[in-house]
Amino acid sequence: MEMSSPLVDVRVVSLAINLPGPLAASRLAELGARVTKVEPLSGDPLATAAPRWYANLVQRQSVVALDIKSDRAELDDLLADADLLLTSMRPSALDRLGLARPHLTFPQLSLIELVGHDGDAAEVPGHDLNYQAAQGTLTPPSMPKVPIADMLGAECAVSTALAALIARAKCGRGQTYRVVLEEAAARAGDAVRHGLMGEGAMLGGALPGYGIYASADGYVALGAIEPHFFRRVLETFGADGTRESIRAAFVDKTAAELESIAAQADIPLNRVR
């Protein structure tokens, strides 16, 4: 087995559409798993919203269009040989399909169920924006540029899938696992709740060595948190340690000039693109 393809013998069936599920399925495929993406006849909405991203995510997968209600026998044929089933529908919908505990029919199969909420709120609809709003990672009225909950949720689904394979190797039987996107957003929100990031926090503007500064033709990001990096900033640019002195040292230089100077001095600085 090649180390670059540790999941080469693993078969995955994904019923997940939109973003977190396809992200997780893509990552499993990158690790060598054989992934069959089962889409509704109308297709995955992600293919319309972001066609190039969608194409990139599915390039290592087999895509099959099925009405999983009327073509259930074909779906079951896929599940019979699968190790993992990845879903992203409401629990009630999964239950109606008889897939809430698929290992009862297919003993080797583990379910990785991506949901928005857990417990009494498991049926409540939501998306990344809602989860971020609840966990303090938004800056209203600006819309987020990164779908944090979806991205972290996808990685949680991948790690849960790997844990499921290990657990099955020990007990010889698949199990059901739930990955909650709201909890993934909460993990991102921990940085705010614990005072590391956010307005005026250590990594939210309090440290002059860690921030975004204007250059002559745009902005640069300075990540000089460690004392030795910060000292180099002061020595290299003749700043006195205040944010204003660093701002003054940067503002008349282009981003390319600042990047060149930083590279020579081994300072973590780069253009904001």
C-alpha atoms as a PDB file:
ATOM      1  CA  MET A   1       0.000   0.000   0.000  1.00  0.00           C
ATOM      2  CA  GLU A   2       1.312   3.443  -0.924  1.00  0.00           C
ATOM      3  CA  MET A   3       1.621   5.858   1.972  1.00  0.00           C
ATOM      4  CA  SER A   4       0.070   8.566  -0.216  1.00  0.00           C
ATOM      5  CA  SER A   5      -3.119   6.464  -0.573  1.00  0.00           C
ATOM      6  CA  PRO A   6      -3.819   5.000   2.882  1.00  0.00           C
ATOM      7  CA  LEU A   7      -7.518   4.458   2.099  1.00  0.00           C
ATOM      8  CA  VAL A   8      -6.941   2.641  -1.189  1.00  0.00           C
ATOM      9  CA  ASP A   9      -9.141  -0.321  -0.141  1.00  0.00           C
ATOM     10  CA  VAL A  10     -11.922   1.785   1.374  1.00  0.00           C
ATOM     11  CA  ARG A  11     -15.211   2.290  -0.464  1.00  0.00           C
ATOM     12  CA  VAL A  12     -17.387   5.289   0.265  1.00  0.00           C
ATOM     13  CA  VAL A  13     -20.912   6.112  -0.860  1.00  0.00           C
ATOM     14  CA  SER A  14     -21.878   9.755  -0.433  1.00  0.00           C
ATOM     15  CA  LEU A  15     -25.435  11.041  -0.590  1.00  0.00           C
ATOM     16  CA  ALA A  16     -24.310  14.464   0.624  1.00  0.00           C
ATOM     17  CA  ILE A  17     -24.883  17.561  -1.490  1.00  0.00           C
ATOM     18  CA  ASN A  18     -24.083  21.274  -1.106  1.00  0.00           C
ATOM     19  CA  LEU A  19     -20.726  21.875   0.608  1.00  0.00           C
ATOM     20  CA  PRO A  20     -19.569  20.081   3.798  1.00  0.00           C
ATOM     21  CA  GLY A  21     -20.401  16.585   2.561  1.00  0.00           C
ATOM     22  CA  PRO A  22     -18.752  16.987  -0.846  1.00  0.00           C
ATOM     23  CA  LEU A  23     -15.705  18.529   0.840  1.00  0.00           C
ATOM     24  CA  ALA A  24     -15.394  15.510   3.126  1.00  0.00           C
ATOM     25  CA  ALA A  25     -15.936  13.061   0.271  1.00  0.00           C
ATOM     26  CA  SER A  26     -13.280  14.828  -1.787  1.00  0.00           C
ATOM     27  CA  ARG A  27     -10.776  14.595   1.048  1.00  0.00           C
ATOM     28  CA  LEU A  28     -11.466  10.875   1.487  1.00  0.00           C
ATOM     29  CA  ALA A  29     -10.916  10.421  -2.250  1.00  0.00           C
ATOM     30  CA  GLU A  30      -7.618  12.308  -1.997  1.00  0.00           C
ATOM     31  CA  LEU A  31      -6.574   9.792   0.659  1.00  0.00           C
ATOM     32  CA  GLY A  32      -7.227   6.983  -1.805  1.00  0.00           C
ATOM     33  CA  ALA A  33     -10.797   5.921  -1.046  1.00  0.00           C
ATOM     34  CA  ARG A  34     -13.053   4.855  -3.908  1.00  0.00           C
ATOM     35  CA  VAL A  35     -15.932   7.311  -3.632  1.00  0.00           C
ATOM     36  CA  THR A  36     -19.265   7.016  -5.393  1.00  0.00           C
ATOM     37  CA  LYS A  37     -21.225  10.256  -5.207  1.00  0.00           C
ATOM     38  CA  VAL A  38     -24.947   9.588  -5.512  1.00  0.00           C
ATOM     39  CA  GLU A  39     -26.802  12.726  -6.559  1.00  0.00           C
ATOM     40  CA  PRO A  40     -30.504  13.399  -7.029  1.00  0.00           C
ATOM     41  CA  LEU A  41     -31.702  13.557 -10.632  1.00  0.00           C
ATOM     42  CA  SER A  42     -31.702  17.360 -10.338  1.00  0.00           C
ATOM     43  CA  GLY A  43     -27.994  17.275  -9.485  1.00  0.00           C
ATOM     44  CA  ASP A  44     -25.989  18.846  -6.669  1.00  0.00           C
ATOM     45  CA  PRO A  45     -26.832  22.565  -6.186  1.00  0.00           C
ATOM     46  CA  LEU A  46     -23.109  23.166  -5.699  1.00  0.00           C
ATOM     47  CA  ALA A  47     -22.572  22.371  -9.382  1.00  0.00           C
ATOM     48  CA  THR A  48     -24.699  25.399 -10.284  1.00  0.00           C
ATOM     49  CA  ALA A  49     -23.449  27.728  -7.544  1.00  0.00           C
ATOM     50  CA  ALA A  50     -19.721  27.033  -7.999  1.00  0.00           C
ATOM     51  CA  PRO A  51     -19.217  24.796 -11.065  1.00  0.00           C
ATOM     52  CA  ARG A  52     -15.409  24.935 -11.106  1.00  0.00           C
ATOM     53  CA  TRP A  53     -15.156  24.095  -7.412  1.00  0.00           C
ATOM     54  CA  TYR A  54     -17.688  21.303  -7.827  1.00  0.00           C
ATOM     55  CA  ALA A  55     -15.716  19.853 -10.738  1.00  0.00           C
ATOM     56  CA  ASN A  56     -12.544  19.960  -8.660  1.00  0.00           C
ATOM     57  CA  LEU A  57     -14.197  18.200  -5.717  1.00  0.00           C
ATOM     58  CA  VAL A  58     -15.648  15.323  -7.758  1.00  0.00           C
ATOM     59  CA  GLN A  59     -12.709  14.731 -10.103  1.00  0.00           C
ATOM     60  CA  ARG A  60     -11.589  11.603  -8.193  1.00  0.00           C
ATOM     61  CA  GLN A  61     -15.120  10.261  -7.710  1.00  0.00           C
ATOM     62  CA  SER A  62     -17.718   8.334  -9.652  1.00  0.00           C
ATOM     63  CA  VAL A  63     -20.908  10.397  -9.901  1.00  0.00           C
ATOM     64  CA  VAL A  64     -24.231   8.570 -10.227  1.00  0.00           C
ATOM     65  CA  ALA A  65     -27.640  10.216 -10.591  1.00  0.00           C
ATOM     66  CA  LEU A  66     -30.353   8.292  -8.749  1.00  0.00           C
ATOM     67  CA  ASP A  67     -33.790   8.783  -7.321  1.00  0.00           C
ATOM     68  CA  ILE A  68     -32.907   6.948  -4.125  1.00  0.00           C
ATOM     69  CA  LYS A  69     -36.583   6.310  -3.357  1.00  0.00           C
ATOM     70  CA  SER A  70     -37.525   4.650  -6.642  1.00  0.00           C
ATOM     71  CA  ASP A  71     -34.024   3.301  -7.428  1.00  0.00           C
ATOM     72  CA  ARG A  72     -33.391   1.951  -3.949  1.00  0.00           C
ATOM     73  CA  ALA A  73     -32.191  -1.437  -5.185  1.00  0.00           C
ATOM     74  CA  GLU A  74     -29.397   0.274  -7.103  1.00  0.00           C
ATOM     75  CA  LEU A  75     -28.413   2.238  -4.012  1.00  0.00           C
ATOM     76  CA  ASP A  76     -28.407  -0.920  -1.926  1.00  0.00           C
ATOM     77  CA  ASP A  77     -26.103  -2.573  -4.456  1.00  0.00           C
ATOM     78  CA  LEU A  78     -23.624   0.236  -3.846  1.00  0.00           C
ATOM     79  CA  LEU A  79     -23.994   0.028  -0.061  1.00  0.00           C
ATOM     80  CA  ALA A  80     -23.477  -3.722  -0.038  1.00  0.00           C
ATOM     81  CA  ASP A  81     -19.786  -3.231  -0.871  1.00  0.00           C
ATOM     82  CA  ALA A  82     -19.250   0.072   0.919  1.00  0.00           C
ATOM     83  CA  ASP A  83     -17.364   0.746   4.124  1.00  0.00           C
ATOM     84  CA  LEU A  84     -18.701   4.260   4.758  1.00  0.00           C
ATOM     85  CA  LEU A  85     -21.956   6.058   3.993  1.00  0.00           C
ATOM     86  CA  LEU A  86     -21.805   9.856   4.091  1.00  0.00           C
ATOM     87  CA  THR A  87     -25.074  11.821   4.353  1.00  0.00           C
ATOM     88  CA  SER A  88     -26.148  15.423   4.999  1.00  0.00           C
ATOM     89  CA  MET A  89     -29.931  15.278   5.245  1.00  0.00           C
ATOM     90  CA  ARG A  90     -32.238  15.840   8.196  1.00  0.00           C
ATOM     91  CA  PRO A  91     -32.433  12.875  10.581  1.00  0.00           C
ATOM     92  CA  SER A  92     -36.117  12.360   9.819  1.00  0.00           C
ATOM     93  CA  ALA A  93     -35.393  12.077   6.087  1.00  0.00           C
ATOM     94  CA  LEU A  94     -32.611   9.594   6.776  1.00  0.00           C
ATOM     95  CA  ASP A  95     -34.965   7.579   8.961  1.00  0.00           C
ATOM     96  CA  ARG A  96     -37.697   7.517   6.299  1.00  0.00           C
ATOM     97  CA  LEU A  97     -35.153   6.069   3.880  1.00  0.00           C
ATOM     98  CA  GLY A  98     -34.287   3.357   6.374  1.00  0.00           C
ATOM     99  CA  LEU A  99     -30.682   4.524   6.512  1.00  0.00           C
ATOM    100  CA  ALA A 100     -30.442   5.791  10.074  1.00  0.00           C
ATOM    101  CA  ARG A 101     -28.743   2.540  11.138  1.00  0.00           C
ATOM    102  CA  PRO A 102     -27.476   1.026   7.897  1.00  0.00           C
ATOM    103  CA  HIS A 103     -25.172  -1.422   9.676  1.00  0.00           C
ATOM    104  CA  LEU A 104     -28.250  -3.444  10.640  1.00  0.00           C
ATOM    105  CA  THR A 105     -28.656  -4.310   6.948  1.00  0.00           C
ATOM    106  CA  PHE A 106     -25.031  -3.977   5.882  1.00  0.00           C
ATOM    107  CA  PRO A 107     -22.929  -5.053   8.907  1.00  0.00           C
ATOM    108  CA  GLN A 108     -19.670  -3.655   7.524  1.00  0.00           C
ATOM    109  CA  LEU A 109     -21.114  -0.197   6.866  1.00  0.00           C
ATOM    110  CA  SER A 110     -20.598   2.843   9.091  1.00  0.00           C
ATOM    111  CA  LEU A 111     -22.753   5.948   8.725  1.00  0.00           C
ATOM    112  CA  ILE A 112     -21.166   9.415   8.933  1.00  0.00           C
ATOM    113  CA  GLU A 113     -24.141  11.710   9.301  1.00  0.00           C
ATOM    114  CA  LEU A 114     -23.591  15.444   8.819  1.00  0.00           C
ATOM    115  CA  VAL A 115     -26.306  17.517  10.492  1.00  0.00           C
ATOM    116  CA  GLY A 116     -26.726  21.164  11.375  1.00  0.00           C
ATOM    117  CA  HIS A 117     -27.817  20.732  14.975  1.00  0.00           C
ATOM    118  CA  ASP A 118     -28.117  17.919  17.507  1.00  0.00           C
ATOM    119  CA  GLY A 119     -30.562  16.928  20.217  1.00  0.00           C
ATOM    120  CA  ASP A 120     -33.983  18.584  20.220  1.00  0.00           C
ATOM    121  CA  ALA A 121     -32.850  20.959  17.467  1.00  0.00           C
ATOM    122  CA  ALA A 122     -31.743  18.213  15.091  1.00  0.00           C
ATOM    123  CA  GLU A 123     -34.585  18.971  12.662  1.00  0.00           C
ATOM    124  CA  VAL A 124     -34.042  22.756  12.679  1.00  0.00           C
ATOM    125  CA  PRO A 125     -32.859  23.963   9.246  1.00  0.00           C
ATOM    126  CA  GLY A 126     -29.676  25.991   8.920  1.00  0.00           C
ATOM    127  CA  HIS A 127     -26.566  26.751   6.952  1.00  0.00           C
ATOM    128  CA  ASP A 128     -23.038  27.965   7.580  1.00  0.00           C
ATOM    129  CA  LEU A 129     -24.192  31.569   8.024  1.00  0.00           C
ATOM    130  CA  ASN A 130     -26.606  30.556  10.783  1.00  0.00           C
ATOM    131  CA  TYR A 131     -24.013  28.503  12.647  1.00  0.00           C
ATOM    132  CA  GLN A 132     -21.438  31.281  12.462  1.00  0.00           C
ATOM    133  CA  ALA A 133     -24.001  33.839  13.628  1.00  0.00           C
ATOM    134  CA  ALA A 134     -24.702  31.759  16.725  1.00  0.00           C
ATOM    135  CA  GLN A 135     -21.024  31.311  17.576  1.00  0.00           C
ATOM    136  CA  GLY A 136     -19.643  34.851  17.320  1.00  0.00           C
ATOM    137  CA  THR A 137     -17.507  34.513  14.192  1.00  0.00           C
ATOM    138  CA  LEU A 138     -19.349  37.136  12.117  1.00  0.00           C
ATOM    139  CA  THR A 139     -18.718  40.874  11.840  1.00  0.00           C
ATOM    140  CA  PRO A 140     -22.092  42.353  10.848  1.00  0.00           C
ATOM    141  CA  PRO A 141     -23.157  43.597   8.419  1.00  0.00           C
ATOM    142  CA  SER A 142     -20.352  42.019   6.367  1.00  0.00           C
ATOM    143  CA  MET A 143     -20.947  38.549   4.999  1.00  0.00           C
ATOM    144  CA  PRO A 144     -18.305  35.901   5.820  1.00  0.00           C
ATOM    145  CA  LYS A 145     -15.705  35.182   3.155  1.00  0.00           C
ATOM    146  CA  VAL A 146     -15.022  31.646   4.361  1.00  0.00           C
ATOM    147  CA  PRO A 147     -17.671  29.010   5.240  1.00  0.00           C
ATOM    148  CA  ILE A 148     -15.988  28.146   8.536  1.00  0.00           C
ATOM    149  CA  ALA A 149     -18.601  25.719   9.840  1.00  0.00           C
ATOM    150  CA  ASP A 150     -18.779  23.857   6.542  1.00  0.00           C
ATOM    151  CA  MET A 151     -15.003  23.613   6.220  1.00  0.00           C
ATOM    152  CA  LEU A 152     -14.400  22.493   9.806  1.00  0.00           C
ATOM    153  CA  GLY A 153     -17.432  20.221   9.677  1.00  0.00           C
ATOM    154  CA  ALA A 154     -16.024  18.514   6.598  1.00  0.00           C
ATOM    155  CA  GLU A 155     -12.709  17.867   8.347  1.00  0.00           C
ATOM    156  CA  CYS A 156     -14.588  16.567  11.396  1.00  0.00           C
ATOM    157  CA  ALA A 157     -16.443  14.199   9.092  1.00  0.00           C
ATOM    158  CA  VAL A 158     -13.149  12.944   7.647  1.00  0.00           C
ATOM    159  CA  SER A 159     -11.591  12.340  11.071  1.00  0.00           C
ATOM    160  CA  THR A 160     -14.805  10.652  12.235  1.00  0.00           C
ATOM    161  CA  ALA A 161     -14.735   8.432   9.154  1.00  0.00           C
ATOM    162  CA  LEU A 162     -11.172   7.385   9.945  1.00  0.00           C
ATOM    163  CA  ALA A 163     -12.161   6.665  13.553  1.00  0.00           C
ATOM    164  CA  ALA A 164     -15.106   4.618  12.277  1.00  0.00           C
ATOM    165  CA  LEU A 165     -12.783   2.444  10.195  1.00  0.00           C
ATOM    166  CA  ILE A 166     -10.532   1.868  13.210  1.00  0.00           C
ATOM    167  CA  ALA A 167     -13.526   1.017  15.420  1.00  0.00           C
ATOM    168  CA  ARG A 168     -14.861  -1.456  12.868  1.00  0.00           C
ATOM    169  CA  ALA A 169     -11.466  -3.141  12.661  1.00  0.00           C
ATOM    170  CA  LYS A 170     -11.696  -3.738  16.417  1.00  0.00           C
ATOM    171  CA  CYS A 171     -15.328  -4.827  16.731  1.00  0.00           C
ATOM    172  CA  GLY A 172     -15.959  -6.178  13.238  1.00  0.00           C
ATOM    173  CA  ARG A 173     -19.133  -4.166  12.706  1.00  0.00           C
ATOM    174  CA  GLY A 174     -20.094  -0.752  11.402  1.00  0.00           C
ATOM    175  CA  GLN A 175     -21.711   1.907  13.588  1.00  0.00           C
ATOM    176  CA  THR A 176     -23.480   5.254  13.234  1.00  0.00           C
ATOM    177  CA  TYR A 177     -21.735   8.575  13.856  1.00  0.00           C
ATOM    178  CA  ARG A 178     -23.066  12.123  13.837  1.00  0.00           C
ATOM    179  CA  VAL A 179     -21.038  15.226  12.953  1.00  0.00           C
ATOM    180  CA  VAL A 180     -22.748  18.488  13.997  1.00  0.00           C
ATOM    181  CA  LEU A 181     -21.940  21.626  12.003  1.00  0.00           C
ATOM    182  CA  GLU A 182     -23.058  23.939  14.806  1.00  0.00           C
ATOM    183  CA  GLU A 183     -20.461  22.273  17.040  1.00  0.00           C
ATOM    184  CA  ALA A 184     -17.817  22.792  14.357  1.00  0.00           C
ATOM    185  CA  ALA A 185     -18.712  26.488  14.303  1.00  0.00           C
ATOM    186  CA  ALA A 186     -18.456  26.522  18.095  1.00  0.00           C
ATOM    187  CA  ARG A 187     -14.881  25.258  17.907  1.00  0.00           C
ATOM    188  CA  ALA A 188     -14.047  28.187  15.626  1.00  0.00           C
ATOM    189  CA  GLY A 189     -15.875  30.497  18.009  1.00  0.00           C
ATOM    190  CA  ASP A 190     -13.690  29.310  20.895  1.00  0.00           C
ATOM    191  CA  ALA A 191     -10.994  31.710  19.692  1.00  0.00           C
ATOM    192  CA  VAL A 192     -13.418  34.577  20.306  1.00  0.00           C
ATOM    193  CA  ARG A 193     -14.937  33.255  23.528  1.00  0.00           C
ATOM    194  CA  HIS A 194     -11.521  32.706  25.099  1.00  0.00           C
ATOM    195  CA  GLY A 195     -10.323  36.178  24.161  1.00  0.00           C
ATOM    196  CA  LEU A 196      -7.671  35.256  21.609  1.00  0.00           C
ATOM    197  CA  MET A 197      -9.418  36.897  18.660  1.00  0.00           C
ATOM    198  CA  GLY A 198     -12.075  39.525  18.236  1.00  0.00           C
ATOM    199  CA  GLU A 199     -12.118  43.296  18.534  1.00  0.00           C
ATOM    200  CA  GLY A 200      -9.230  44.443  20.749  1.00  0.00           C
ATOM    201  CA  ALA A 201      -8.092  40.906  21.602  1.00  0.00           C
ATOM    202  CA  MET A 202      -4.468  39.747  21.415  1.00  0.00           C
ATOM    203  CA  LEU A 203      -4.868  38.576  17.818  1.00  0.00           C
ATOM    204  CA  GLY A 204      -7.622  41.061  17.092  1.00  0.00           C
ATOM    205  CA  GLY A 205      -5.601  44.250  17.065  1.00  0.00           C
ATOM    206  CA  ALA A 206      -3.968  44.505  20.486  1.00  0.00           C
ATOM    207  CA  LEU A 207      -0.533  43.389  19.252  1.00  0.00           C
ATOM    208  CA  PRO A 208       1.147  45.835  16.835  1.00  0.00           C
ATOM    209  CA  GLY A 209       3.168  42.936  15.408  1.00  0.00           C
ATOM    210  CA  TYR A 210       0.043  41.085  14.329  1.00  0.00           C
ATOM    211  CA  GLY A 211      -2.180  43.041  11.988  1.00  0.00           C
ATOM    212  CA  ILE A 212      -3.095  44.361   8.582  1.00  0.00           C
ATOM    213  CA  TYR A 213      -1.322  47.480   7.417  1.00  0.00           C
ATOM    214  CA  ALA A 214      -1.751  49.765   4.413  1.00  0.00           C
ATOM    215  CA  SER A 215       1.039  49.880   1.847  1.00  0.00           C
ATOM    216  CA  ALA A 216       1.451  52.274  -1.054  1.00  0.00           C
ATOM    217  CA  ASP A 217      -0.642  50.019  -3.314  1.00  0.00           C
ATOM    218  CA  GLY A 218      -2.791  47.858  -1.061  1.00  0.00           C
ATOM    219  CA  TYR A 219      -2.418  46.046   2.232  1.00  0.00           C
ATOM    220  CA  VAL A 220      -0.001  43.623   3.869  1.00  0.00           C
ATOM    221  CA  ALA A 221      -0.466  41.146   6.695  1.00  0.00           C
ATOM    222  CA  LEU A 222       2.184  41.193   9.415  1.00  0.00           C
ATOM    223  CA  GLY A 223       2.362  38.089  11.613  1.00  0.00           C
ATOM    224  CA  ALA A 224       5.252  38.942  13.945  1.00  0.00           C
ATOM    225  CA  ILE A 225       3.823  37.488  17.153  1.00  0.00           C
ATOM    226  CA  GLU A 226       7.028  35.994  18.553  1.00  0.00           C
ATOM    227  CA  PRO A 227       9.410  38.475  20.225  1.00  0.00           C
ATOM    228  CA  HIS A 228      12.306  37.695  17.887  1.00  0.00           C
ATOM    229  CA  PHE A 229      10.170  38.391  14.820  1.00  0.00           C
ATOM    230  CA  PHE A 230       8.848  41.620  16.344  1.00  0.00           C
ATOM    231  CA  ARG A 231      12.370  42.785  17.162  1.00  0.00           C
ATOM    232  CA  ARG A 232      13.338  42.231  13.539  1.00  0.00           C
ATOM    233  CA  VAL A 233      10.417  44.378  12.427  1.00  0.00           C
ATOM    234  CA  LEU A 234      11.565  47.223  14.665  1.00  0.00           C
ATOM    235  CA  GLU A 235      15.194  46.869  13.618  1.00  0.00           C
ATOM    236  CA  THR A 236      14.460  46.499   9.919  1.00  0.00           C
ATOM    237  CA  PHE A 237      11.935  49.297   9.579  1.00  0.00           C
ATOM    238  CA  GLY A 238      13.145  51.647  12.316  1.00  0.00           C
ATOM    239  CA  ALA A 239       9.846  51.462  14.189  1.00  0.00           C
ATOM    240  CA  ASP A 240       9.499  52.124  17.914  1.00  0.00           C
ATOM    241  CA  GLY A 241       7.067  49.308  18.657  1.00  0.00           C
ATOM    242  CA  THR A 242       3.799  51.201  18.327  1.00  0.00           C
ATOM    243  CA  ARG A 243       1.207  50.445  15.699  1.00  0.00           C
ATOM    244  CA  GLU A 244       1.466  53.994  14.404  1.00  0.00           C
ATOM    245  CA  SER A 245       5.232  53.725  13.871  1.00  0.00           C
ATOM    246  CA  ILE A 246       4.827  50.495  11.904  1.00  0.00           C
ATOM    247  CA  ARG A 247       2.028  52.043   9.881  1.00  0.00           C
ATOM    248  CA  ALA A 248       4.253  55.000   9.018  1.00  0.00           C
ATOM    249  CA  ALA A 249       7.128  52.706   8.003  1.00  0.00           C
ATOM    250  CA  PHE A 250       4.913  50.680   5.657  1.00  0.00           C
ATOM    251  CA  VAL A 251       2.611  53.221   4.043  1.00  0.00           C
ATOM    252  CA  ASP A 252       5.085  54.685   1.495  1.00  0.00           C
ATOM    253  CA  LYS A 253       6.343  51.287   0.274  1.00  0.00           C
ATOM    254  CA  THR A 254       4.599  48.987  -2.172  1.00  0.00           C
ATOM    255  CA  ALA A 255       3.459  45.568  -1.036  1.00  0.00           C
ATOM    256  CA  ALA A 256       6.117  43.995  -3.261  1.00  0.00           C
ATOM    257  CA  GLU A 257       8.830  46.115  -1.659  1.00  0.00           C
ATOM    258  CA  LEU A 258       7.644  45.179   1.819  1.00  0.00           C
ATOM    259  CA  GLU A 259       7.545  41.496   0.877  1.00  0.00           C
ATOM    260  CA  SER A 260      11.096  41.689  -0.474  1.00  0.00           C
ATOM    261  CA  ILE A 261      12.420  43.421   2.648  1.00  0.00           C
ATOM    262  CA  ALA A 262      10.584  40.955   4.901  1.00  0.00           C
ATOM    263  CA  ALA A 263      11.941  37.964   2.988  1.00  0.00           C
ATOM    264  CA  GLN A 264      15.509  39.182   3.435  1.00  0.00           C
ATOM    265  CA  ALA A 265      14.960  39.795   7.153  1.00  0.00           C
ATOM    266  CA  ASP A 266      12.982  36.564   7.718  1.00  0.00           C
ATOM    267  CA  ILE A 267       9.828  38.386   8.836  1.00  0.00           C
ATOM    268  CA  PRO A 268       6.383  36.811   8.346  1.00  0.00           C
ATOM    269  CA  LEU A 269       4.760  39.411   6.083  1.00  0.00           C
ATOM    270  CA  ASN A 270       2.876  39.100   2.827  1.00  0.00           C
ATOM    271  CA  ARG A 271       0.486  40.962   0.561  1.00  0.00           C
ATOM    272  CA  VAL A 272      -3.254  40.752   1.257  1.00  0.00           C
ATOM    273  CA  ARG A 273      -4.695  39.384  -1.968  1.00  0.00           C
END
